[in-house]
Amino acid sequence: MAKEVSPLEKAIAAALKGAIAEKGTTAKDVAERLGVGSYPAFTQRLNGKVAMQLGEIVDIATLLGIDWHEILRRAEQSIQ
């Protein structure tokens, strides 16, 4: 059975989705630029259905030109 995604993990996914939109790009473009093998699996992560690993968060934030700490700050703020 899959591990349940925590509120913080869902907030991190939402913060990344927001950052993608702010940069005027799409999840599909980000997935392609990262070389993600499975776009459906990537969208499950971005939709907060599956938890992301820290490395994935860092990679997406770096690609977007945002410090990954900022993504975590936004996520934490959103659940307080």
C-alpha atoms as a PDB file:
ATOM      1  CA  MET A   1       0.000   0.000   0.000  1.00  0.00           C
ATOM      2  CA  ALA A   2       1.297   3.482  -0.902  1.00  0.00           C
ATOM      3  CA  LYS A   3       2.260   5.939   1.800  1.00  0.00           C
ATOM      4  CA  GLU A   4      -0.294   8.677   2.352  1.00  0.00           C
ATOM      5  CA  VAL A   5       0.870  12.098   1.206  1.00  0.00           C
ATOM      6  CA  SER A   6       1.130  14.580   4.086  1.00  0.00           C
ATOM      7  CA  PRO A   7      -0.349  18.087   4.053  1.00  0.00           C
ATOM      8  CA  LEU A   8       3.185  19.514   3.765  1.00  0.00           C
ATOM      9  CA  GLU A   9       3.986  17.281   0.792  1.00  0.00           C
ATOM     10  CA  LYS A  10       0.758  18.403  -0.896  1.00  0.00           C
ATOM     11  CA  ALA A  11       1.652  22.033  -0.162  1.00  0.00           C
ATOM     12  CA  ILE A  12       5.106  21.553  -1.699  1.00  0.00           C
ATOM     13  CA  ALA A  13       3.491  20.185  -4.861  1.00  0.00           C
ATOM     14  CA  ALA A  14       1.113  23.162  -4.954  1.00  0.00           C
ATOM     15  CA  ALA A  15       4.014  25.588  -4.471  1.00  0.00           C
ATOM     16  CA  LEU A  16       5.862  23.998  -7.382  1.00  0.00           C
ATOM     17  CA  LYS A  17       2.756  24.161  -9.583  1.00  0.00           C
ATOM     18  CA  GLY A  18       2.399  27.827  -8.667  1.00  0.00           C
ATOM     19  CA  ALA A  19       6.036  28.503  -9.496  1.00  0.00           C
ATOM     20  CA  ILE A  20       5.634  26.768 -12.858  1.00  0.00           C
ATOM     21  CA  ALA A  21       2.649  29.009 -13.642  1.00  0.00           C
ATOM     22  CA  GLU A  22       4.509  32.132 -12.442  1.00  0.00           C
ATOM     23  CA  LYS A  23       7.319  31.381 -14.872  1.00  0.00           C
ATOM     24  CA  GLY A  24       4.812  31.120 -17.722  1.00  0.00           C
ATOM     25  CA  THR A  25       5.635  27.534 -18.556  1.00  0.00           C
ATOM     26  CA  THR A  26       3.791  24.240 -18.297  1.00  0.00           C
ATOM     27  CA  ALA A  27       4.241  21.026 -16.358  1.00  0.00           C
ATOM     28  CA  LYS A  28       4.727  19.214 -19.652  1.00  0.00           C
ATOM     29  CA  ASP A  29       7.545  21.575 -20.637  1.00  0.00           C
ATOM     30  CA  VAL A  30       9.212  21.161 -17.232  1.00  0.00           C
ATOM     31  CA  ALA A  31       8.935  17.371 -17.466  1.00  0.00           C
ATOM     32  CA  GLU A  32      10.479  17.406 -20.937  1.00  0.00           C
ATOM     33  CA  ARG A  33      13.303  19.725 -19.883  1.00  0.00           C
ATOM     34  CA  LEU A  34      14.034  17.493 -16.877  1.00  0.00           C
ATOM     35  CA  GLY A  35      13.994  14.387 -19.058  1.00  0.00           C
ATOM     36  CA  VAL A  36      11.250  12.770 -16.987  1.00  0.00           C
ATOM     37  CA  GLY A  37      10.438   9.346 -18.375  1.00  0.00           C
ATOM     38  CA  SER A  38       6.769   9.282 -17.416  1.00  0.00           C
ATOM     39  CA  TYR A  39       4.705  12.449 -17.708  1.00  0.00           C
ATOM     40  CA  PRO A  40       1.682  10.862 -15.930  1.00  0.00           C
ATOM     41  CA  ALA A  41       3.883   9.955 -12.944  1.00  0.00           C
ATOM     42  CA  PHE A  42       5.297  13.494 -12.946  1.00  0.00           C
ATOM     43  CA  THR A  43       1.804  15.017 -12.887  1.00  0.00           C
ATOM     44  CA  GLN A  44       0.816  12.737 -10.014  1.00  0.00           C
ATOM     45  CA  ARG A  45       3.680  14.282  -8.050  1.00  0.00           C
ATOM     46  CA  LEU A  46       2.726  17.825  -9.068  1.00  0.00           C
ATOM     47  CA  ASN A  47      -0.890  17.159  -8.116  1.00  0.00           C
ATOM     48  CA  GLY A  48       0.122  15.998  -4.636  1.00  0.00           C
ATOM     49  CA  LYS A  49      -0.998  12.403  -5.184  1.00  0.00           C
ATOM     50  CA  VAL A  50       2.533  11.020  -4.743  1.00  0.00           C
ATOM     51  CA  ALA A  51       5.228  12.554  -2.533  1.00  0.00           C
ATOM     52  CA  MET A  52       8.303  14.039  -4.209  1.00  0.00           C
ATOM     53  CA  GLN A  53      11.845  13.313  -3.206  1.00  0.00           C
ATOM     54  CA  LEU A  54      13.978  16.281  -2.167  1.00  0.00           C
ATOM     55  CA  GLY A  55      16.125  15.878  -5.279  1.00  0.00           C
ATOM     56  CA  GLU A  56      13.054  16.265  -7.491  1.00  0.00           C
ATOM     57  CA  ILE A  57      12.039  19.440  -5.666  1.00  0.00           C
ATOM     58  CA  VAL A  58      15.548  20.861  -6.045  1.00  0.00           C
ATOM     59  CA  ASP A  59      15.710  19.917  -9.739  1.00  0.00           C
ATOM     60  CA  ILE A  60      12.365  21.542 -10.566  1.00  0.00           C
ATOM     61  CA  ALA A  61      13.131  24.684  -8.563  1.00  0.00           C
ATOM     62  CA  THR A  62      16.572  24.992 -10.158  1.00  0.00           C
ATOM     63  CA  LEU A  63      15.108  24.591 -13.630  1.00  0.00           C
ATOM     64  CA  LEU A  64      12.657  27.389 -12.822  1.00  0.00           C
ATOM     65  CA  GLY A  65      15.409  29.627 -11.440  1.00  0.00           C
ATOM     66  CA  ILE A  66      13.981  29.579  -7.908  1.00  0.00           C
ATOM     67  CA  ASP A  67      15.841  28.623  -4.744  1.00  0.00           C
ATOM     68  CA  TRP A  68      14.330  25.366  -3.488  1.00  0.00           C
ATOM     69  CA  HIS A  69      14.223  26.836   0.019  1.00  0.00           C
ATOM     70  CA  GLU A  70      11.725  29.367  -1.326  1.00  0.00           C
ATOM     71  CA  ILE A  71       9.468  26.529  -2.491  1.00  0.00           C
ATOM     72  CA  LEU A  72       9.579  24.983   0.982  1.00  0.00           C
ATOM     73  CA  ARG A  73       8.924  28.389   2.582  1.00  0.00           C
ATOM     74  CA  ARG A  74       5.875  28.937   0.391  1.00  0.00           C
ATOM     75  CA  ALA A  75       4.588  25.464   1.159  1.00  0.00           C
ATOM     76  CA  GLU A  76       5.047  25.893   4.891  1.00  0.00           C
ATOM     77  CA  GLN A  77       3.350  29.298   4.815  1.00  0.00           C
ATOM     78  CA  SER A  78       0.364  27.906   2.987  1.00  0.00           C
ATOM     79  CA  ILE A  79      -0.424  25.349   5.689  1.00  0.00           C
ATOM     80  CA  GLN A  80      -0.008  27.579   8.708  1.00  0.00           C
END
